[in-house]
C-alpha atoms as a PDB file:
ATOM      1  CA  MET A   1      30.517  41.590-185.620  1.00  0.00           C
ATOM      2  CA  LYS A   2      31.844  38.291-185.485  1.00  0.00           C
ATOM      3  CA  ILE A   3      31.893  36.628-182.147  1.00  0.00           C
ATOM      4  CA  LEU A   4      33.895  33.430-181.817  1.00  0.00           C
ATOM      5  CA  ILE A   5      32.225  30.893-179.101  1.00  0.00           C
ATOM      6  CA  THR A   6      34.288  28.139-177.616  1.00  0.00           C
ATOM      7  CA  ASN A   7      34.696  26.278-173.893  1.00  0.00           C
ATOM      8  CA  ASP A   8      36.230  23.577-172.311  1.00  0.00           C
ATOM      9  CA  ASP A   9      33.448  21.593-171.492  1.00  0.00           C
ATOM     10  CA  GLY A  10      33.087  20.465-175.222  1.00  0.00           C
ATOM     11  CA  VAL A  11      31.520  21.333-178.021  1.00  0.00           C
ATOM     12  CA  PHE A  12      28.181  19.527-177.359  1.00  0.00           C
ATOM     13  CA  SER A  13      28.011  21.318-173.819  1.00  0.00           C
ATOM     14  CA  SER A  14      24.213  23.168-173.225  1.00  0.00           C
ATOM     15  CA  GLY A  15      26.570  26.157-172.126  1.00  0.00           C
ATOM     16  CA  ILE A  16      27.935  26.785-175.646  1.00  0.00           C
ATOM     17  CA  LEU A  17      24.412  26.833-176.589  1.00  0.00           C
ATOM     18  CA  ALA A  18      23.237  29.184-174.228  1.00  0.00           C
ATOM     19  CA  THR A  19      26.170  31.557-174.935  1.00  0.00           C
ATOM     20  CA  ARG A  20      25.170  31.513-178.512  1.00  0.00           C
ATOM     21  CA  ASN A  21      21.416  32.226-177.699  1.00  0.00           C
ATOM     22  CA  ALA A  22      22.929  35.297-175.465  1.00  0.00           C
ATOM     23  CA  LEU A  23      24.897  36.677-178.130  1.00  0.00           C
ATOM     24  CA  LYS A  24      22.916  36.220-181.329  1.00  0.00           C
ATOM     25  CA  PRO A  25      21.111  39.596-181.176  1.00  0.00           C
ATOM     26  CA  LEU A  26      25.161  41.164-181.226  1.00  0.00           C
ATOM     27  CA  GLY A  27      26.633  39.632-184.831  1.00  0.00           C
ATOM     28  CA  GLU A  28      27.311  36.841-186.534  1.00  0.00           C
ATOM     29  CA  THR A  29      28.378  34.049-184.040  1.00  0.00           C
ATOM     30  CA  ILE A  30      30.860  30.908-184.947  1.00  0.00           C
ATOM     31  CA  VAL A  31      31.255  28.011-182.483  1.00  0.00           C
ATOM     32  CA  VAL A  32      34.637  26.531-182.551  1.00  0.00           C
ATOM     33  CA  ALA A  33      35.327  24.091-179.277  1.00  0.00           C
ATOM     34  CA  PRO A  34      37.014  20.905-178.448  1.00  0.00           C
ATOM     35  CA  ASN A  35      35.299  17.776-179.356  1.00  0.00           C
ATOM     36  CA  ALA A  36      35.437  16.427-175.782  1.00  0.00           C
ATOM     37  CA  GLN A  37      35.719  17.636-171.904  1.00  0.00           C
ATOM     38  CA  GLN A  38      38.896  19.595-171.365  1.00  0.00           C
ATOM     39  CA  SER A  39      38.562  21.150-168.079  1.00  0.00           C
ATOM     40  CA  GLY A  40      41.905  21.804-166.295  1.00  0.00           C
ATOM     41  CA  ILE A  41      43.736  21.630-169.214  1.00  0.00           C
ATOM     42  CA  GLY A  42      45.047  25.301-168.905  1.00  0.00           C
ATOM     43  CA  ARG A  43      46.670  27.072-171.938  1.00  0.00           C
ATOM     44  CA  ALA A  44      48.083  23.656-173.384  1.00  0.00           C
ATOM     45  CA  ILE A  45      48.406  23.800-177.168  1.00  0.00           C
ATOM     46  CA  SER A  46      49.358  20.580-178.935  1.00  0.00           C
ATOM     47  CA  LEU A  47      52.625  20.447-180.722  1.00  0.00           C
ATOM     48  CA  SER A  48      53.473  16.599-180.679  1.00  0.00           C
ATOM     49  CA  LYS A  49      50.162  15.038-182.366  1.00  0.00           C
ATOM     50  CA  PRO A  50      47.853  15.934-185.462  1.00  0.00           C
ATOM     51  CA  ILE A  51      44.631  18.031-184.761  1.00  0.00           C
ATOM     52  CA  ARG A  52      41.475  17.158-187.096  1.00  0.00           C
ATOM     53  CA  ILE A  53      38.417  19.489-187.266  1.00  0.00           C
ATOM     54  CA  ASP A  54      34.758  18.281-187.879  1.00  0.00           C
ATOM     55  CA  GLU A  55      31.839  19.815-188.559  1.00  0.00           C
ATOM     56  CA  VAL A  56      28.863  18.739-186.205  1.00  0.00           C
ATOM     57  CA  LYS A  57      25.382  19.759-185.459  1.00  0.00           C
ATOM     58  CA  LEU A  58      24.461  21.203-182.312  1.00  0.00           C
ATOM     59  CA  ARG A  59      21.025  20.356-180.564  1.00  0.00           C
ATOM     60  CA  ASP A  60      19.498  23.483-181.644  1.00  0.00           C
ATOM     61  CA  GLU A  61      20.621  22.011-185.575  1.00  0.00           C
ATOM     62  CA  SER A  62      23.284  24.761-185.709  1.00  0.00           C
ATOM     63  CA  MET A  63      26.600  24.209-186.914  1.00  0.00           C
ATOM     64  CA  ALA A  64      29.582  24.141-185.406  1.00  0.00           C
ATOM     65  CA  TYR A  65      33.493  23.097-185.407  1.00  0.00           C
ATOM     66  CA  SER A  66      34.568  20.028-183.547  1.00  0.00           C
ATOM     67  CA  VAL A  67      38.627  20.521-182.512  1.00  0.00           C
ATOM     68  CA  HIS A  68      40.277  17.173-181.475  1.00  0.00           C
ATOM     69  CA  GLY A  69      42.639  19.173-178.877  1.00  0.00           C
ATOM     70  CA  THR A  70      42.236  21.675-176.369  1.00  0.00           C
ATOM     71  CA  PRO A  71      40.860  24.983-176.184  1.00  0.00           C
ATOM     72  CA  THR A  72      43.635  26.783-176.975  1.00  0.00           C
ATOM     73  CA  ASP A  73      44.263  24.807-180.039  1.00  0.00           C
ATOM     74  CA  ALA A  74      40.390  25.524-180.845  1.00  0.00           C
ATOM     75  CA  VAL A  75      40.929  29.276-180.687  1.00  0.00           C
ATOM     76  CA  THR A  76      43.985  29.217-182.541  1.00  0.00           C
ATOM     77  CA  LEU A  77      42.714  26.973-185.391  1.00  0.00           C
ATOM     78  CA  ALA A  78      39.405  29.356-185.545  1.00  0.00           C
ATOM     79  CA  MET A  79      41.324  32.471-185.912  1.00  0.00           C
ATOM     80  CA  PHE A  80      43.891  31.229-188.375  1.00  0.00           C
ATOM     81  CA  GLU A  81      42.463  28.311-190.343  1.00  0.00           C
ATOM     82  CA  ILE A  82      38.323  28.334-189.872  1.00  0.00           C
ATOM     83  CA  MET A  83      37.418  32.187-190.087  1.00  0.00           C
ATOM     84  CA  ASP A  84      38.296  34.494-192.813  1.00  0.00           C
ATOM     85  CA  GLU A  85      38.464  37.395-190.596  1.00  0.00           C
ATOM     86  CA  THR A  86      39.808  38.294-187.338  1.00  0.00           C
ATOM     87  CA  PRO A  87      36.734  37.936-184.709  1.00  0.00           C
ATOM     88  CA  ASP A  88      35.738  41.263-183.175  1.00  0.00           C
ATOM     89  CA  LEU A  89      35.121  39.148-179.842  1.00  0.00           C
ATOM     90  CA  VAL A  90      35.847  35.736-178.254  1.00  0.00           C
ATOM     91  CA  VAL A  91      33.555  34.562-175.572  1.00  0.00           C
ATOM     92  CA  SER A  92      34.622  31.242-173.680  1.00  0.00           C
ATOM     93  CA  GLY A  93      31.813  29.613-171.918  1.00  0.00           C
ATOM     94  CA  ILE A  94      29.008  29.284-170.338  1.00  0.00           C
ATOM     95  CA  ASN A  95      31.156  27.051-168.267  1.00  0.00           C
ATOM     96  CA  LEU A  96      29.804  24.507-165.861  1.00  0.00           C
ATOM     97  CA  GLY A  97      31.123  25.511-162.813  1.00  0.00           C
ATOM     98  CA  GLU A  98      32.811  28.244-161.384  1.00  0.00           C
ATOM     99  CA  ASN A  99      36.265  29.430-162.318  1.00  0.00           C
ATOM    100  CA  ILE A 100      37.598  31.653-159.340  1.00  0.00           C
ATOM    101  CA  GLY A 101      41.061  32.302-157.354  1.00  0.00           C
ATOM    102  CA  GLY A 102      44.091  33.217-158.528  1.00  0.00           C
ATOM    103  CA  GLY A 103      45.645  30.052-157.129  1.00  0.00           C
ATOM    104  CA  GLU A 104      44.031  27.924-160.191  1.00  0.00           C
ATOM    105  CA  ILE A 105      43.072  30.328-162.762  1.00  0.00           C
ATOM    106  CA  THR A 106      45.424  29.377-165.543  1.00  0.00           C
ATOM    107  CA  THR A 107      44.547  25.769-164.880  1.00  0.00           C
ATOM    108  CA  SER A 108      41.102  26.789-166.313  1.00  0.00           C
ATOM    109  CA  GLY A 109      40.533  25.571-169.701  1.00  0.00           C
ATOM    110  CA  THR A 110      37.700  28.152-170.088  1.00  0.00           C
ATOM    111  CA  VAL A 111      39.793  30.803-168.910  1.00  0.00           C
ATOM    112  CA  SER A 112      42.606  29.954-170.784  1.00  0.00           C
ATOM    113  CA  ALA A 113      40.789  30.120-173.995  1.00  0.00           C
ATOM    114  CA  ALA A 114      40.121  33.925-173.642  1.00  0.00           C
ATOM    115  CA  MET A 115      43.663  34.605-172.601  1.00  0.00           C
ATOM    116  CA  GLU A 116      44.785  33.026-176.055  1.00  0.00           C
ATOM    117  CA  ALA A 117      42.519  35.230-178.108  1.00  0.00           C
ATOM    118  CA  ALA A 118      43.687  38.421-175.722  1.00  0.00           C
ATOM    119  CA  SER A 119      47.186  37.201-176.321  1.00  0.00           C
ATOM    120  CA  PHE A 120      46.191  38.551-180.208  1.00  0.00           C
ATOM    121  CA  ASN A 121      44.851  41.673-178.763  1.00  0.00           C
ATOM    122  CA  ILE A 122      41.230  40.549-179.151  1.00  0.00           C
ATOM    123  CA  PRO A 123      38.539  41.538-176.557  1.00  0.00           C
ATOM    124  CA  ALA A 124      37.565  38.318-174.695  1.00  0.00           C
ATOM    125  CA  ILE A 125      35.259  37.154-171.902  1.00  0.00           C
ATOM    126  CA  ALA A 126      35.166  34.217-169.992  1.00  0.00           C
ATOM    127  CA  ILE A 127      32.347  33.184-168.179  1.00  0.00           C
ATOM    128  CA  SER A 128      31.267  30.514-165.601  1.00  0.00           C
ATOM    129  CA  MET A 129      28.281  29.575-163.713  1.00  0.00           C
ATOM    130  CA  GLU A 130      28.273  28.250-160.357  1.00  0.00           C
ATOM    131  CA  VAL A 131      26.424  24.653-160.551  1.00  0.00           C
ATOM    132  CA  ALA A 132      24.896  22.885-157.457  1.00  0.00           C
ATOM    133  CA  LYS A 133      25.309  19.090-158.211  1.00  0.00           C
ATOM    134  CA  SER A 134      21.516  18.408-157.040  1.00  0.00           C
ATOM    135  CA  SER A 135      20.477  20.813-159.972  1.00  0.00           C
ATOM    136  CA  ILE A 136      21.904  18.802-162.910  1.00  0.00           C
ATOM    137  CA  LYS A 137      20.007  16.688-164.842  1.00  0.00           C
ATOM    138  CA  PHE A 138      21.705  14.632-167.192  1.00  0.00           C
ATOM    139  CA  HIS A 139      20.440  12.786-170.509  1.00  0.00           C
ATOM    140  CA  ASP A 140      21.742  11.846-174.064  1.00  0.00           C
ATOM    141  CA  GLY A 141      25.006  14.137-172.930  1.00  0.00           C
ATOM    142  CA  TYR A 142      23.225  16.838-172.526  1.00  0.00           C
ATOM    143  CA  PHE A 143      22.902  19.211-169.136  1.00  0.00           C
ATOM    144  CA  ASP A 144      19.143  20.704-168.371  1.00  0.00           C
ATOM    145  CA  LEU A 145      20.329  23.674-166.418  1.00  0.00           C
ATOM    146  CA  ASP A 146      18.642  27.254-166.009  1.00  0.00           C
ATOM    147  CA  TYR A 147      21.203  29.507-167.999  1.00  0.00           C
ATOM    148  CA  PHE A 148      18.751  32.821-168.001  1.00  0.00           C
ATOM    149  CA  LEU A 149      20.508  34.833-165.644  1.00  0.00           C
ATOM    150  CA  ALA A 150      24.111  33.926-167.116  1.00  0.00           C
ATOM    151  CA  GLU A 151      22.605  34.720-170.674  1.00  0.00           C
ATOM    152  CA  LYS A 152      21.405  38.042-169.547  1.00  0.00           C
ATOM    153  CA  ILE A 153      24.674  38.964-167.891  1.00  0.00           C
ATOM    154  CA  LEU A 154      26.744  37.662-170.877  1.00  0.00           C
ATOM    155  CA  TYR A 155      24.776  39.547-173.259  1.00  0.00           C
ATOM    156  CA  LYS A 156      24.751  42.952-171.136  1.00  0.00           C
ATOM    157  CA  ILE A 157      28.805  43.101-170.641  1.00  0.00           C
ATOM    158  CA  ALA A 158      29.468  41.643-174.345  1.00  0.00           C
ATOM    159  CA  LYS A 159      27.386  44.338-175.691  1.00  0.00           C
ATOM    160  CA  LYS A 160      29.550  46.966-173.544  1.00  0.00           C
ATOM    161  CA  VAL A 161      32.465  45.486-174.589  1.00  0.00           C
ATOM    162  CA  ILE A 162      31.336  45.459-178.408  1.00  0.00           C
ATOM    163  CA  LYS A 163      30.503  49.071-178.009  1.00  0.00           C
ATOM    164  CA  ASN A 164      33.254  50.747-176.162  1.00  0.00           C
ATOM    165  CA  GLY A 165      36.139  48.135-175.809  1.00  0.00           C
ATOM    166  CA  LEU A 166      38.233  46.668-172.499  1.00  0.00           C
ATOM    167  CA  PRO A 167      38.653  49.040-170.026  1.00  0.00           C
ATOM    168  CA  ASP A 168      42.282  50.562-170.135  1.00  0.00           C
ATOM    169  CA  GLY A 169      44.748  48.052-168.685  1.00  0.00           C
ATOM    170  CA  VAL A 170      42.162  45.081-168.896  1.00  0.00           C
ATOM    171  CA  ASP A 171      43.256  42.388-171.389  1.00  0.00           C
ATOM    172  CA  LEU A 172      39.842  39.987-170.646  1.00  0.00           C
ATOM    173  CA  LEU A 173      37.323  39.681-168.208  1.00  0.00           C
ATOM    174  CA  ASN A 174      36.249  36.608-165.950  1.00  0.00           C
ATOM    175  CA  ILE A 175      32.531  36.372-164.901  1.00  0.00           C
ATOM    176  CA  ASN A 176      31.375  33.950-162.256  1.00  0.00           C
ATOM    177  CA  ILE A 177      27.681  33.715-161.905  1.00  0.00           C
ATOM    178  CA  PRO A 178      26.048  32.099-158.484  1.00  0.00           C
ATOM    179  CA  SER A 179      23.727  29.389-158.958  1.00  0.00           C
ATOM    180  CA  GLY A 180      20.168  29.423-157.517  1.00  0.00           C
ATOM    181  CA  VAL A 181      19.658  33.430-157.259  1.00  0.00           C
ATOM    182  CA  GLU A 182      18.001  35.934-159.637  1.00  0.00           C
ATOM    183  CA  ASN A 183      19.765  38.509-157.983  1.00  0.00           C
ATOM    184  CA  GLU A 184      21.531  40.924-160.913  1.00  0.00           C
ATOM    185  CA  GLU A 185      23.737  42.724-159.057  1.00  0.00           C
ATOM    186  CA  ILE A 186      27.386  42.583-160.101  1.00  0.00           C
ATOM    187  CA  GLU A 187      30.249  42.970-157.959  1.00  0.00           C
ATOM    188  CA  ILE A 188      33.780  44.222-159.659  1.00  0.00           C
ATOM    189  CA  THR A 189      36.483  41.885-157.750  1.00  0.00           C
ATOM    190  CA  LYS A 190      40.051  40.884-157.497  1.00  0.00           C
ATOM    191  CA  LEU A 191      41.658  37.376-157.668  1.00  0.00           C
ATOM    192  CA  GLY A 192      41.511  35.439-154.388  1.00  0.00           C
ATOM    193  CA  GLY A 193      44.083  32.716-153.347  1.00  0.00           C
ATOM    194  CA  ARG A 194      43.994  28.806-153.747  1.00  0.00           C
ATOM    195  CA  VAL A 195      40.380  27.799-154.020  1.00  0.00           C
ATOM    196  CA  PHE A 196      41.143  24.024-153.588  1.00  0.00           C
ATOM    197  CA  ASN A 197      43.491  21.679-151.204  1.00  0.00           C
ATOM    198  CA  PRO A 198      44.978  19.143-153.485  1.00  0.00           C
ATOM    199  CA  ILE A 199      43.925  15.510-152.512  1.00  0.00           C
ATOM    200  CA  ILE A 200      45.791  12.890-153.690  1.00  0.00           C
ATOM    201  CA  GLU A 201      44.276   9.168-153.786  1.00  0.00           C
ATOM    202  CA  ARG A 202      46.441   6.288-154.355  1.00  0.00           C
ATOM    203  CA  ARG A 203      44.726   3.137-155.333  1.00  0.00           C
ATOM    204  CA  LEU A 204      46.613  -0.088-156.676  1.00  0.00           C
ATOM    205  CA  ASP A 205      45.433  -1.835-160.279  1.00  0.00           C
ATOM    206  CA  PRO A 206      44.686  -5.667-160.633  1.00  0.00           C
ATOM    207  CA  ARG A 207      48.684  -6.083-161.117  1.00  0.00           C
ATOM    208  CA  GLY A 208      49.141  -4.472-157.712  1.00  0.00           C
ATOM    209  CA  LYS A 209      50.855  -1.358-159.217  1.00  0.00           C
ATOM    210  CA  PRO A 210      50.074   1.854-157.891  1.00  0.00           C
ATOM    211  CA  TYR A 211      48.152   4.924-159.627  1.00  0.00           C
ATOM    212  CA  PHE A 212      46.839   7.788-158.413  1.00  0.00           C
ATOM    213  CA  TRP A 213      43.781  10.315-158.743  1.00  0.00           C
ATOM    214  CA  VAL A 214      44.084  13.932-158.044  1.00  0.00           C
ATOM    215  CA  ASP A 215      41.305  16.073-156.115  1.00  0.00           C
ATOM    216  CA  GLY A 216      40.515  18.682-153.858  1.00  0.00           C
ATOM    217  CA  ILE A 217      38.328  20.065-151.216  1.00  0.00           C
ATOM    218  CA  ALA A 218      37.027  23.148-151.781  1.00  0.00           C
ATOM    219  CA  LYS A 219      38.187  26.080-149.162  1.00  0.00           C
ATOM    220  CA  THR A 220      35.221  27.856-147.220  1.00  0.00           C
ATOM    221  CA  ASP A 221      37.349  30.780-146.284  1.00  0.00           C
ATOM    222  CA  HIS A 222      37.470  33.577-148.642  1.00  0.00           C
ATOM    223  CA  GLU A 223      39.196  37.090-148.250  1.00  0.00           C
ATOM    224  CA  GLU A 224      36.740  40.076-148.860  1.00  0.00           C
ATOM    225  CA  SER A 225      36.138  41.954-152.047  1.00  0.00           C
ATOM    226  CA  THR A 226      37.937  38.610-154.181  1.00  0.00           C
ATOM    227  CA  ASP A 227      35.557  36.708-156.431  1.00  0.00           C
ATOM    228  CA  GLY A 228      35.503  33.505-154.173  1.00  0.00           C
ATOM    229  CA  TYR A 229      33.978  35.725-151.667  1.00  0.00           C
ATOM    230  CA  THR A 230      31.527  37.409-153.644  1.00  0.00           C
ATOM    231  CA  LEU A 231      30.182  34.253-155.574  1.00  0.00           C
ATOM    232  CA  LYS A 232      30.342  32.104-152.077  1.00  0.00           C
ATOM    233  CA  ASN A 233      29.518  34.133-149.699  1.00  0.00           C
ATOM    234  CA  ASN A 234      27.490  37.065-150.990  1.00  0.00           C
ATOM    235  CA  LYS A 235      26.027  34.991-153.608  1.00  0.00           C
ATOM    236  CA  LYS A 236      26.264  38.016-156.124  1.00  0.00           C
ATOM    237  CA  ILE A 237      27.851  37.967-159.489  1.00  0.00           C
ATOM    238  CA  SER A 238      31.244  38.376-159.475  1.00  0.00           C
ATOM    239  CA  ILE A 239      33.541  39.954-162.769  1.00  0.00           C
ATOM    240  CA  THR A 240      37.341  40.007-162.455  1.00  0.00           C
ATOM    241  CA  PRO A 241      39.970  42.408-164.918  1.00  0.00           C
ATOM    242  CA  LEU A 242      42.804  40.243-165.825  1.00  0.00           C
ATOM    243  CA  LYS A 243      45.734  41.067-167.315  1.00  0.00           C
ATOM    244  CA  LEU A 244      48.186  38.623-169.385  1.00  0.00           C
ATOM    245  CA  ASN A 245      51.599  40.643-168.371  1.00  0.00           C
ATOM    246  CA  LEU A 246      53.074  38.747-165.316  1.00  0.00           C
ATOM    247  CA  THR A 247      55.748  40.728-164.291  1.00  0.00           C
ATOM    248  CA  GLY A 248      56.429  41.477-160.969  1.00  0.00           C
ATOM    249  CA  ASN A 249      58.251  44.461-159.217  1.00  0.00           C
ATOM    250  CA  LEU A 250      61.437  45.104-161.426  1.00  0.00           C
ATOM    251  CA  ASN A 251      62.615  47.288-159.174  1.00  0.00           C
ATOM    252  CA  SER A 252      62.236  44.959-156.071  1.00  0.00           C
ATOM    253  CA  LEU A 253      64.369  42.396-158.036  1.00  0.00           C
ATOM    254  CA  LYS A 254      66.926  44.795-158.356  1.00  0.00           C
ATOM    255  CA  GLN A 255      67.334  45.706-154.800  1.00  0.00           C
ATOM    256  CA  TRP A 256      67.317  42.034-154.179  1.00  0.00           C
ATOM    257  CA  MET A 257      69.876  41.521-156.762  1.00  0.00           C
ATOM    258  CA  ASP A 258      72.287  43.973-155.239  1.00  0.00           C
ATOM    259  CA  GLU A 259      72.083  43.285-151.562  1.00  0.00           C
END
């Protein structure tokens, strides 16, 4: 089995090493990821600039490919330039911070990298871990985090995908791991609504010209049975089946047009 590993946190993220550690027993792993942080970039692809690829060594001395582009660029270059064969599975993560809610899911570079693989009919998993800021210890460009539960769940799900393929009508899986818990119970969830309420902060540069920071306040009310409710309220692992086809109700549109 050939397993492609990518992310949007950058090739030197501790989460990418945890992903490789979880998947090594299942087959040959290859890491191809952005050279720098790409959170919130969505499924963007670089069309107006050249993309460079560097071979780099990770903290565990393993080799990886660092792509000067987006997560989608990394997946595309991995499949059509770096790898000799199409991967049997693509895993994006383990992301630092959850990726939940239908309102923002397509802005996630982590999920979008998995979506890119899925668009080529390759089984794909996006996996993210809720991170409490107080638990992060940063040194030398590296975060010290306990990935034990995330690795265990990823191995379990990836093994099942490799053995059985994805379920009918599912293009990719989105997994979210709560922080600070050891409960291995998994709940199958649907996407919730928006997770953040946007905040725009206006500032002035030294010449008096305005510039802006875009941020957001996390919502605390989540609908039951959604990924957000399961992760935030129940403190359980959420797994959400996703589809690429965004087509709405054709009959409804037809009736609307005829009115």
